[in-house]
């Protein structure tokens, strides 16, 4: 069994990967600030060369379809809009963080990143339907399983020969193997990156239905997104899915079966467009 210090060391090692999403916290703050302007956003981002380049590249992709390609950060941000920068940075940073296979899980980097995008799209769409902050929802979705990056890194650093063989539930295997599940590990990582406490708590309790005091919340939505994606698959291509009529989130939120179907269809279209735009399809 691993010790807490092993995870503290791993947190510092993940920092060293050079893709710390702490910038996402600052971008969120600027996006909410009515006094923030284009120059302040550019000043925040221009010192991260790979991130700035990725923003320009994604803004020129088929997903945003500019009439004229952008050649600089100011032009790119001006075109996609201040609030949309949050989505683009989430895409860029998550792709950099998840750019490594997770051999302990038997999951490729591309598949893991795609699953994170799918969760983000569902979270964003659901949030818009029920009146939650869609930027926060998208961020929670894209980072909800980041704890697996941490767990995989710890196992690799310790040179343990531990692999998930899919016979047990994945979180049970995590707890037995390293003493933490991915939810707790992810919350630990986001706390280190100084994400808001509310965001960290959503990540921490995503596996525990008893922690959902209010279904119409980011935590309730994240647990619902997990149930929905288990049915549709992370590529949204399973057309045989059927949601339980007694799903607690559906009952509390007032979403109808037709609305959920529309959400899945819209997420499928956006998913394919994003995957193609960032060169993963």
C-alpha atoms as a PDB file:
ATOM      1  CA  UNK A   1       0.000   0.000   0.000  1.00  0.00           C
ATOM      2  CA  UNK A   2       1.325   3.408  -0.922  1.00  0.00           C
ATOM      3  CA  UNK A   3       1.796   6.222   1.584  1.00  0.00           C
ATOM      4  CA  UNK A   4       0.404   9.775   1.372  1.00  0.00           C
ATOM      5  CA  UNK A   5       3.954  11.056   0.842  1.00  0.00           C
ATOM      6  CA  UNK A   6       4.138   9.021  -2.361  1.00  0.00           C
ATOM      7  CA  UNK A   7       1.223  11.017  -3.703  1.00  0.00           C
ATOM      8  CA  UNK A   8       2.682  14.328  -2.565  1.00  0.00           C
ATOM      9  CA  UNK A   9       5.814  13.546  -4.528  1.00  0.00           C
ATOM     10  CA  UNK A  10       3.726  12.530  -7.519  1.00  0.00           C
ATOM     11  CA  UNK A  11       1.817  15.824  -7.389  1.00  0.00           C
ATOM     12  CA  UNK A  12       5.120  17.669  -7.686  1.00  0.00           C
ATOM     13  CA  UNK A  13       6.146  15.390 -10.541  1.00  0.00           C
ATOM     14  CA  UNK A  14       2.925  16.068 -12.451  1.00  0.00           C
ATOM     15  CA  UNK A  15       3.673  19.782 -12.014  1.00  0.00           C
ATOM     16  CA  UNK A  16       6.972  19.148 -13.743  1.00  0.00           C
ATOM     17  CA  UNK A  17       5.142  17.903 -16.836  1.00  0.00           C
ATOM     18  CA  UNK A  18       4.723  21.567 -17.743  1.00  0.00           C
ATOM     19  CA  UNK A  19       0.967  21.473 -18.240  1.00  0.00           C
ATOM     20  CA  UNK A  20      -0.327  22.742 -14.910  1.00  0.00           C
ATOM     21  CA  UNK A  21      -3.937  23.867 -15.361  1.00  0.00           C
ATOM     22  CA  UNK A  22      -3.643  26.509 -12.642  1.00  0.00           C
ATOM     23  CA  UNK A  23      -3.835  28.978 -15.523  1.00  0.00           C
ATOM     24  CA  UNK A  24      -7.382  27.737 -16.011  1.00  0.00           C
ATOM     25  CA  UNK A  25      -8.320  29.144 -12.607  1.00  0.00           C
ATOM     26  CA  UNK A  26      -6.996  32.559 -13.622  1.00  0.00           C
ATOM     27  CA  UNK A  27      -8.759  32.387 -16.992  1.00  0.00           C
ATOM     28  CA  UNK A  28     -12.036  31.595 -15.230  1.00  0.00           C
ATOM     29  CA  UNK A  29     -11.562  34.614 -12.969  1.00  0.00           C
ATOM     30  CA  UNK A  30     -10.901  36.898 -15.934  1.00  0.00           C
ATOM     31  CA  UNK A  31     -13.851  35.496 -17.878  1.00  0.00           C
ATOM     32  CA  UNK A  32     -16.140  36.386 -14.954  1.00  0.00           C
ATOM     33  CA  UNK A  33     -14.649  39.838 -14.416  1.00  0.00           C
ATOM     34  CA  UNK A  34     -16.821  42.463 -16.163  1.00  0.00           C
ATOM     35  CA  UNK A  35     -13.836  44.825 -16.179  1.00  0.00           C
ATOM     36  CA  UNK A  36     -11.427  42.375 -17.830  1.00  0.00           C
ATOM     37  CA  UNK A  37     -10.561  43.038 -21.437  1.00  0.00           C
ATOM     38  CA  UNK A  38      -8.811  41.374 -24.334  1.00  0.00           C
ATOM     39  CA  UNK A  39      -5.398  42.748 -23.406  1.00  0.00           C
ATOM     40  CA  UNK A  40      -5.534  41.309 -19.878  1.00  0.00           C
ATOM     41  CA  UNK A  41      -6.406  37.848 -21.225  1.00  0.00           C
ATOM     42  CA  UNK A  42      -3.605  38.001 -23.796  1.00  0.00           C
ATOM     43  CA  UNK A  43      -1.129  39.162 -21.151  1.00  0.00           C
ATOM     44  CA  UNK A  44      -1.995  36.109 -19.040  1.00  0.00           C
ATOM     45  CA  UNK A  45      -1.589  33.628 -21.886  1.00  0.00           C
ATOM     46  CA  UNK A  46       1.174  34.936 -24.114  1.00  0.00           C
ATOM     47  CA  UNK A  47       4.012  33.830 -21.829  1.00  0.00           C
ATOM     48  CA  UNK A  48       3.089  30.171 -22.285  1.00  0.00           C
ATOM     49  CA  UNK A  49       4.353  29.577 -25.816  1.00  0.00           C
ATOM     50  CA  UNK A  50       2.874  26.095 -26.386  1.00  0.00           C
ATOM     51  CA  UNK A  51      -0.480  27.148 -24.931  1.00  0.00           C
ATOM     52  CA  UNK A  52      -0.629  30.344 -27.004  1.00  0.00           C
ATOM     53  CA  UNK A  53       0.233  28.371 -30.142  1.00  0.00           C
ATOM     54  CA  UNK A  54      -2.436  25.805 -29.361  1.00  0.00           C
ATOM     55  CA  UNK A  55      -5.087  28.504 -28.859  1.00  0.00           C
ATOM     56  CA  UNK A  56      -4.255  29.969 -32.259  1.00  0.00           C
ATOM     57  CA  UNK A  57      -4.263  26.519 -33.878  1.00  0.00           C
ATOM     58  CA  UNK A  58      -7.594  25.483 -32.368  1.00  0.00           C
ATOM     59  CA  UNK A  59      -9.165  28.851 -33.238  1.00  0.00           C
ATOM     60  CA  UNK A  60      -8.228  28.140 -36.867  1.00  0.00           C
ATOM     61  CA  UNK A  61      -9.737  24.646 -36.796  1.00  0.00           C
ATOM     62  CA  UNK A  62     -12.923  23.464 -38.459  1.00  0.00           C
ATOM     63  CA  UNK A  63     -14.689  23.660 -35.108  1.00  0.00           C
ATOM     64  CA  UNK A  64     -14.504  27.483 -35.138  1.00  0.00           C
ATOM     65  CA  UNK A  65     -14.246  27.853 -38.928  1.00  0.00           C
ATOM     66  CA  UNK A  66     -12.777  31.373 -39.275  1.00  0.00           C
ATOM     67  CA  UNK A  67     -13.111  33.062 -42.651  1.00  0.00           C
ATOM     68  CA  UNK A  68      -9.490  34.191 -42.381  1.00  0.00           C
ATOM     69  CA  UNK A  69      -6.858  32.223 -40.434  1.00  0.00           C
ATOM     70  CA  UNK A  70      -5.572  33.860 -37.260  1.00  0.00           C
ATOM     71  CA  UNK A  71      -1.858  34.502 -36.964  1.00  0.00           C
ATOM     72  CA  UNK A  72      -1.623  35.839 -33.410  1.00  0.00           C
ATOM     73  CA  UNK A  73      -3.113  35.403 -29.955  1.00  0.00           C
ATOM     74  CA  UNK A  74      -5.001  38.700 -29.922  1.00  0.00           C
ATOM     75  CA  UNK A  75      -6.759  37.900 -33.192  1.00  0.00           C
ATOM     76  CA  UNK A  76      -7.600  34.349 -32.063  1.00  0.00           C
ATOM     77  CA  UNK A  77      -9.068  35.400 -28.694  1.00  0.00           C
ATOM     78  CA  UNK A  78     -10.940  38.315 -30.232  1.00  0.00           C
ATOM     79  CA  UNK A  79     -12.566  35.914 -32.691  1.00  0.00           C
ATOM     80  CA  UNK A  80     -13.572  33.105 -30.352  1.00  0.00           C
ATOM     81  CA  UNK A  81     -14.551  35.437 -27.491  1.00  0.00           C
ATOM     82  CA  UNK A  82     -13.379  35.858 -23.926  1.00  0.00           C
ATOM     83  CA  UNK A  83     -15.677  33.242 -22.402  1.00  0.00           C
ATOM     84  CA  UNK A  84     -14.914  30.661 -25.087  1.00  0.00           C
ATOM     85  CA  UNK A  85     -11.221  30.894 -24.219  1.00  0.00           C
ATOM     86  CA  UNK A  86     -12.032  28.765 -21.155  1.00  0.00           C
ATOM     87  CA  UNK A  87     -13.113  25.888 -23.419  1.00  0.00           C
ATOM     88  CA  UNK A  88     -10.111  26.198 -25.726  1.00  0.00           C
ATOM     89  CA  UNK A  89      -7.636  26.270 -22.829  1.00  0.00           C
ATOM     90  CA  UNK A  90      -9.354  23.260 -21.273  1.00  0.00           C
ATOM     91  CA  UNK A  91      -8.935  21.395 -24.565  1.00  0.00           C
ATOM     92  CA  UNK A  92      -5.305  22.392 -24.901  1.00  0.00           C
ATOM     93  CA  UNK A  93      -4.223  21.730 -21.319  1.00  0.00           C
ATOM     94  CA  UNK A  94      -6.089  18.456 -21.018  1.00  0.00           C
ATOM     95  CA  UNK A  95      -4.507  17.217 -24.234  1.00  0.00           C
ATOM     96  CA  UNK A  96      -1.061  18.054 -22.881  1.00  0.00           C
ATOM     97  CA  UNK A  97      -1.728  16.486 -19.483  1.00  0.00           C
ATOM     98  CA  UNK A  98      -3.255  13.370 -21.024  1.00  0.00           C
ATOM     99  CA  UNK A  99      -0.600  13.047 -23.726  1.00  0.00           C
ATOM    100  CA  UNK A 100       0.776   9.932 -22.073  1.00  0.00           C
ATOM    101  CA  UNK A 101      -0.662   6.449 -22.100  1.00  0.00           C
ATOM    102  CA  UNK A 102      -1.903   5.027 -18.801  1.00  0.00           C
ATOM    103  CA  UNK A 103      -0.492   1.493 -18.996  1.00  0.00           C
ATOM    104  CA  UNK A 104      -1.617   0.585 -15.468  1.00  0.00           C
ATOM    105  CA  UNK A 105      -5.173   1.053 -16.695  1.00  0.00           C
ATOM    106  CA  UNK A 106      -4.589  -0.377 -20.154  1.00  0.00           C
ATOM    107  CA  UNK A 107      -5.811   2.905 -21.653  1.00  0.00           C
ATOM    108  CA  UNK A 108      -4.202   4.920 -24.431  1.00  0.00           C
ATOM    109  CA  UNK A 109      -3.700   8.672 -24.111  1.00  0.00           C
ATOM    110  CA  UNK A 110      -6.089   9.283 -26.997  1.00  0.00           C
ATOM    111  CA  UNK A 111      -8.876   7.191 -25.482  1.00  0.00           C
ATOM    112  CA  UNK A 112      -8.469   8.736 -22.048  1.00  0.00           C
ATOM    113  CA  UNK A 113      -8.476  12.259 -23.438  1.00  0.00           C
ATOM    114  CA  UNK A 114     -11.516  11.499 -25.601  1.00  0.00           C
ATOM    115  CA  UNK A 115     -13.420  10.200 -22.578  1.00  0.00           C
ATOM    116  CA  UNK A 116     -12.604  13.417 -20.715  1.00  0.00           C
ATOM    117  CA  UNK A 117     -13.883  15.520 -23.616  1.00  0.00           C
ATOM    118  CA  UNK A 118     -17.100  13.497 -23.692  1.00  0.00           C
ATOM    119  CA  UNK A 119     -17.701  14.122 -19.982  1.00  0.00           C
ATOM    120  CA  UNK A 120     -17.031  17.837 -20.450  1.00  0.00           C
ATOM    121  CA  UNK A 121     -19.530  18.084 -23.308  1.00  0.00           C
ATOM    122  CA  UNK A 122     -22.264  16.319 -21.324  1.00  0.00           C
ATOM    123  CA  UNK A 123     -21.596  18.480 -18.275  1.00  0.00           C
ATOM    124  CA  UNK A 124     -21.716  21.685 -20.307  1.00  0.00           C
ATOM    125  CA  UNK A 125     -24.931  20.718 -22.107  1.00  0.00           C
ATOM    126  CA  UNK A 126     -26.683  19.617 -18.914  1.00  0.00           C
ATOM    127  CA  UNK A 127     -25.580  22.763 -17.073  1.00  0.00           C
ATOM    128  CA  UNK A 128     -27.105  24.968 -19.749  1.00  0.00           C
ATOM    129  CA  UNK A 129     -30.391  23.072 -19.472  1.00  0.00           C
ATOM    130  CA  UNK A 130     -30.726  23.329 -15.696  1.00  0.00           C
ATOM    131  CA  UNK A 131     -29.193  26.746 -15.048  1.00  0.00           C
ATOM    132  CA  UNK A 132     -25.754  25.869 -13.688  1.00  0.00           C
ATOM    133  CA  UNK A 133     -22.552  27.648 -14.701  1.00  0.00           C
ATOM    134  CA  UNK A 134     -21.571  25.948 -17.958  1.00  0.00           C
ATOM    135  CA  UNK A 135     -17.910  27.055 -17.763  1.00  0.00           C
ATOM    136  CA  UNK A 136     -17.509  25.414 -14.360  1.00  0.00           C
ATOM    137  CA  UNK A 137     -19.358  22.348 -15.601  1.00  0.00           C
ATOM    138  CA  UNK A 138     -17.087  21.970 -18.623  1.00  0.00           C
ATOM    139  CA  UNK A 139     -13.972  22.304 -16.473  1.00  0.00           C
ATOM    140  CA  UNK A 140     -15.216  19.732 -13.965  1.00  0.00           C
ATOM    141  CA  UNK A 141     -16.067  17.345 -16.779  1.00  0.00           C
ATOM    142  CA  UNK A 142     -12.722  17.579 -18.505  1.00  0.00           C
ATOM    143  CA  UNK A 143     -10.757  17.172 -15.259  1.00  0.00           C
ATOM    144  CA  UNK A 144     -13.014  14.747 -13.397  1.00  0.00           C
ATOM    145  CA  UNK A 145     -10.739  11.717 -13.888  1.00  0.00           C
ATOM    146  CA  UNK A 146      -7.374  13.482 -13.713  1.00  0.00           C
ATOM    147  CA  UNK A 147      -6.619  11.510 -10.565  1.00  0.00           C
ATOM    148  CA  UNK A 148      -5.872   8.518 -12.783  1.00  0.00           C
ATOM    149  CA  UNK A 149      -2.931  10.398 -14.266  1.00  0.00           C
ATOM    150  CA  UNK A 150      -1.618  10.795 -10.725  1.00  0.00           C
ATOM    151  CA  UNK A 151      -2.242   7.158  -9.772  1.00  0.00           C
ATOM    152  CA  UNK A 152      -0.608   5.869 -12.943  1.00  0.00           C
ATOM    153  CA  UNK A 153       2.398   8.136 -12.334  1.00  0.00           C
ATOM    154  CA  UNK A 154       2.839   6.877  -8.763  1.00  0.00           C
ATOM    155  CA  UNK A 155       2.640   3.225  -9.818  1.00  0.00           C
ATOM    156  CA  UNK A 156       5.118   3.867 -12.620  1.00  0.00           C
ATOM    157  CA  UNK A 157       7.559   5.778 -10.387  1.00  0.00           C
ATOM    158  CA  UNK A 158       7.509   3.023  -7.787  1.00  0.00           C
ATOM    159  CA  UNK A 159       8.049   0.457 -10.550  1.00  0.00           C
ATOM    160  CA  UNK A 160       5.144  -1.610  -9.298  1.00  0.00           C
ATOM    161  CA  UNK A 161       3.752  -4.248 -11.624  1.00  0.00           C
ATOM    162  CA  UNK A 162       0.117  -3.405 -10.957  1.00  0.00           C
ATOM    163  CA  UNK A 163      -2.458  -3.508 -13.735  1.00  0.00           C
ATOM    164  CA  UNK A 164      -6.205  -3.181 -13.792  1.00  0.00           C
ATOM    165  CA  UNK A 165      -7.484  -6.455 -15.214  1.00  0.00           C
ATOM    166  CA  UNK A 166     -11.090  -5.249 -15.533  1.00  0.00           C
ATOM    167  CA  UNK A 167     -12.442  -8.035 -13.337  1.00  0.00           C
ATOM    168  CA  UNK A 168     -13.085  -5.563 -10.504  1.00  0.00           C
ATOM    169  CA  UNK A 169     -14.712  -2.148 -10.542  1.00  0.00           C
ATOM    170  CA  UNK A 170     -11.984   0.327 -11.435  1.00  0.00           C
ATOM    171  CA  UNK A 171     -12.298   2.393  -8.254  1.00  0.00           C
ATOM    172  CA  UNK A 172     -12.165  -0.735  -6.109  1.00  0.00           C
ATOM    173  CA  UNK A 173      -8.949  -1.771  -7.869  1.00  0.00           C
ATOM    174  CA  UNK A 174      -7.519   1.694  -7.231  1.00  0.00           C
ATOM    175  CA  UNK A 175      -8.320   1.578  -3.527  1.00  0.00           C
ATOM    176  CA  UNK A 176      -6.888  -1.903  -3.107  1.00  0.00           C
ATOM    177  CA  UNK A 177      -3.776  -1.124  -5.158  1.00  0.00           C
ATOM    178  CA  UNK A 178      -2.762   2.320  -3.951  1.00  0.00           C
ATOM    179  CA  UNK A 179      -5.106   3.260  -1.110  1.00  0.00           C
ATOM    180  CA  UNK A 180      -6.899   6.036  -3.046  1.00  0.00           C
ATOM    181  CA  UNK A 181      -9.488   6.079  -5.781  1.00  0.00           C
ATOM    182  CA  UNK A 182      -9.144   8.471  -8.696  1.00  0.00           C
ATOM    183  CA  UNK A 183     -11.680  10.893  -7.201  1.00  0.00           C
ATOM    184  CA  UNK A 184      -9.646  11.467  -4.033  1.00  0.00           C
ATOM    185  CA  UNK A 185      -6.388  11.607  -5.994  1.00  0.00           C
ATOM    186  CA  UNK A 186      -7.878  14.132  -8.409  1.00  0.00           C
ATOM    187  CA  UNK A 187      -9.147  16.365  -5.610  1.00  0.00           C
ATOM    188  CA  UNK A 188      -5.688  16.280  -4.051  1.00  0.00           C
ATOM    189  CA  UNK A 189      -4.134  17.382  -7.315  1.00  0.00           C
ATOM    190  CA  UNK A 190      -6.613  20.208  -7.913  1.00  0.00           C
ATOM    191  CA  UNK A 191      -6.163  21.446  -4.345  1.00  0.00           C
ATOM    192  CA  UNK A 192      -2.445  21.628  -4.996  1.00  0.00           C
ATOM    193  CA  UNK A 193      -3.186  23.665  -8.124  1.00  0.00           C
ATOM    194  CA  UNK A 194      -5.361  26.000  -6.007  1.00  0.00           C
ATOM    195  CA  UNK A 195      -8.639  25.308  -7.756  1.00  0.00           C
ATOM    196  CA  UNK A 196     -11.688  26.624  -5.884  1.00  0.00           C
ATOM    197  CA  UNK A 197     -12.710  24.469  -2.936  1.00  0.00           C
ATOM    198  CA  UNK A 198     -16.156  23.861  -4.457  1.00  0.00           C
ATOM    199  CA  UNK A 199     -14.578  22.400  -7.608  1.00  0.00           C
ATOM    200  CA  UNK A 200     -12.266  20.149  -5.589  1.00  0.00           C
ATOM    201  CA  UNK A 201     -15.195  18.847  -3.550  1.00  0.00           C
ATOM    202  CA  UNK A 202     -17.167  17.950  -6.679  1.00  0.00           C
ATOM    203  CA  UNK A 203     -14.180  15.937  -7.927  1.00  0.00           C
ATOM    204  CA  UNK A 204     -13.667  14.323  -4.504  1.00  0.00           C
ATOM    205  CA  UNK A 205     -17.253  13.103  -4.023  1.00  0.00           C
ATOM    206  CA  UNK A 206     -18.150  12.154  -7.593  1.00  0.00           C
ATOM    207  CA  UNK A 207     -18.291   8.452  -6.697  1.00  0.00           C
ATOM    208  CA  UNK A 208     -20.455   8.870  -3.598  1.00  0.00           C
ATOM    209  CA  UNK A 209     -24.214   9.295  -4.233  1.00  0.00           C
ATOM    210  CA  UNK A 210     -24.780  10.002  -0.538  1.00  0.00           C
ATOM    211  CA  UNK A 211     -22.812  13.258  -0.818  1.00  0.00           C
ATOM    212  CA  UNK A 212     -25.325  14.749  -3.272  1.00  0.00           C
ATOM    213  CA  UNK A 213     -27.435  16.937  -1.030  1.00  0.00           C
ATOM    214  CA  UNK A 214     -28.954  18.657  -4.048  1.00  0.00           C
ATOM    215  CA  UNK A 215     -29.234  16.728  -7.306  1.00  0.00           C
ATOM    216  CA  UNK A 216     -29.431  19.970  -9.312  1.00  0.00           C
ATOM    217  CA  UNK A 217     -25.783  20.803  -8.665  1.00  0.00           C
ATOM    218  CA  UNK A 218     -22.417  20.218 -10.305  1.00  0.00           C
ATOM    219  CA  UNK A 219     -21.929  17.101  -8.185  1.00  0.00           C
ATOM    220  CA  UNK A 220     -25.338  15.738  -9.123  1.00  0.00           C
ATOM    221  CA  UNK A 221     -24.691  16.562 -12.782  1.00  0.00           C
ATOM    222  CA  UNK A 222     -21.259  14.878 -12.756  1.00  0.00           C
ATOM    223  CA  UNK A 223     -22.654  11.690 -11.277  1.00  0.00           C
ATOM    224  CA  UNK A 224     -25.445  11.792 -13.866  1.00  0.00           C
ATOM    225  CA  UNK A 225     -22.913  12.330 -16.668  1.00  0.00           C
ATOM    226  CA  UNK A 226     -21.075   9.216 -15.506  1.00  0.00           C
ATOM    227  CA  UNK A 227     -24.251   7.143 -15.622  1.00  0.00           C
ATOM    228  CA  UNK A 228     -25.205   8.515 -19.028  1.00  0.00           C
ATOM    229  CA  UNK A 229     -21.784   7.923 -20.589  1.00  0.00           C
ATOM    230  CA  UNK A 230     -21.769   4.371 -19.240  1.00  0.00           C
ATOM    231  CA  UNK A 231     -24.821   3.844 -21.462  1.00  0.00           C
ATOM    232  CA  UNK A 232     -23.903   5.859 -24.562  1.00  0.00           C
ATOM    233  CA  UNK A 233     -20.129   5.137 -24.442  1.00  0.00           C
ATOM    234  CA  UNK A 234     -17.699   8.001 -24.501  1.00  0.00           C
ATOM    235  CA  UNK A 235     -17.981   8.336 -28.282  1.00  0.00           C
ATOM    236  CA  UNK A 236     -21.801   8.535 -28.016  1.00  0.00           C
ATOM    237  CA  UNK A 237     -22.112   5.859 -30.693  1.00  0.00           C
ATOM    238  CA  UNK A 238     -24.175   3.323 -28.752  1.00  0.00           C
ATOM    239  CA  UNK A 239     -27.697   3.870 -30.063  1.00  0.00           C
ATOM    240  CA  UNK A 240     -29.258   1.183 -27.858  1.00  0.00           C
ATOM    241  CA  UNK A 241     -28.937   3.122 -24.629  1.00  0.00           C
ATOM    242  CA  UNK A 242     -31.906   3.678 -22.366  1.00  0.00           C
ATOM    243  CA  UNK A 243     -31.850   5.828 -19.265  1.00  0.00           C
ATOM    244  CA  UNK A 244     -33.563   4.641 -16.099  1.00  0.00           C
ATOM    245  CA  UNK A 245     -36.921   6.304 -15.571  1.00  0.00           C
ATOM    246  CA  UNK A 246     -36.152   6.601 -11.854  1.00  0.00           C
ATOM    247  CA  UNK A 247     -32.755   8.248 -12.288  1.00  0.00           C
ATOM    248  CA  UNK A 248     -32.553  10.683  -9.337  1.00  0.00           C
ATOM    249  CA  UNK A 249     -31.052  13.495 -11.401  1.00  0.00           C
ATOM    250  CA  UNK A 250     -33.781  13.280 -14.049  1.00  0.00           C
ATOM    251  CA  UNK A 251     -36.486  13.378 -11.400  1.00  0.00           C
ATOM    252  CA  UNK A 252     -34.959  16.364  -9.604  1.00  0.00           C
ATOM    253  CA  UNK A 253     -33.915  18.420 -12.639  1.00  0.00           C
ATOM    254  CA  UNK A 254     -37.088  18.020 -14.666  1.00  0.00           C
ATOM    255  CA  UNK A 255     -35.200  16.930 -17.776  1.00  0.00           C
ATOM    256  CA  UNK A 256     -37.275  14.828 -20.128  1.00  0.00           C
ATOM    257  CA  UNK A 257     -36.226  11.778 -22.115  1.00  0.00           C
ATOM    258  CA  UNK A 258     -36.460  13.867 -25.284  1.00  0.00           C
ATOM    259  CA  UNK A 259     -34.212  16.557 -23.833  1.00  0.00           C
ATOM    260  CA  UNK A 260     -31.598  14.010 -22.792  1.00  0.00           C
ATOM    261  CA  UNK A 261     -31.751  12.490 -26.269  1.00  0.00           C
ATOM    262  CA  UNK A 262     -31.150  15.933 -27.759  1.00  0.00           C
ATOM    263  CA  UNK A 263     -28.216  16.460 -25.404  1.00  0.00           C
ATOM    264  CA  UNK A 264     -26.645  13.168 -26.488  1.00  0.00           C
ATOM    265  CA  UNK A 265     -27.141  13.979 -30.189  1.00  0.00           C
ATOM    266  CA  UNK A 266     -25.597  17.440 -29.788  1.00  0.00           C
ATOM    267  CA  UNK A 267     -22.682  16.019 -27.785  1.00  0.00           C
ATOM    268  CA  UNK A 268     -22.064  13.405 -30.482  1.00  0.00           C
ATOM    269  CA  UNK A 269     -21.771  16.120 -33.145  1.00  0.00           C
ATOM    270  CA  UNK A 270     -19.522  18.316 -31.006  1.00  0.00           C
ATOM    271  CA  UNK A 271     -17.382  15.357 -29.985  1.00  0.00           C
ATOM    272  CA  UNK A 272     -16.660  14.352 -33.575  1.00  0.00           C
ATOM    273  CA  UNK A 273     -15.912  17.944 -34.535  1.00  0.00           C
ATOM    274  CA  UNK A 274     -13.505  18.454 -31.628  1.00  0.00           C
ATOM    275  CA  UNK A 275     -11.697  15.167 -32.193  1.00  0.00           C
ATOM    276  CA  UNK A 276     -11.152  16.047 -35.845  1.00  0.00           C
ATOM    277  CA  UNK A 277     -10.189  19.648 -35.124  1.00  0.00           C
ATOM    278  CA  UNK A 278      -7.420  18.809 -32.672  1.00  0.00           C
ATOM    279  CA  UNK A 279      -6.058  16.005 -34.802  1.00  0.00           C
ATOM    280  CA  UNK A 280      -7.148  13.076 -32.652  1.00  0.00           C
ATOM    281  CA  UNK A 281      -9.656  11.604 -35.098  1.00  0.00           C
END
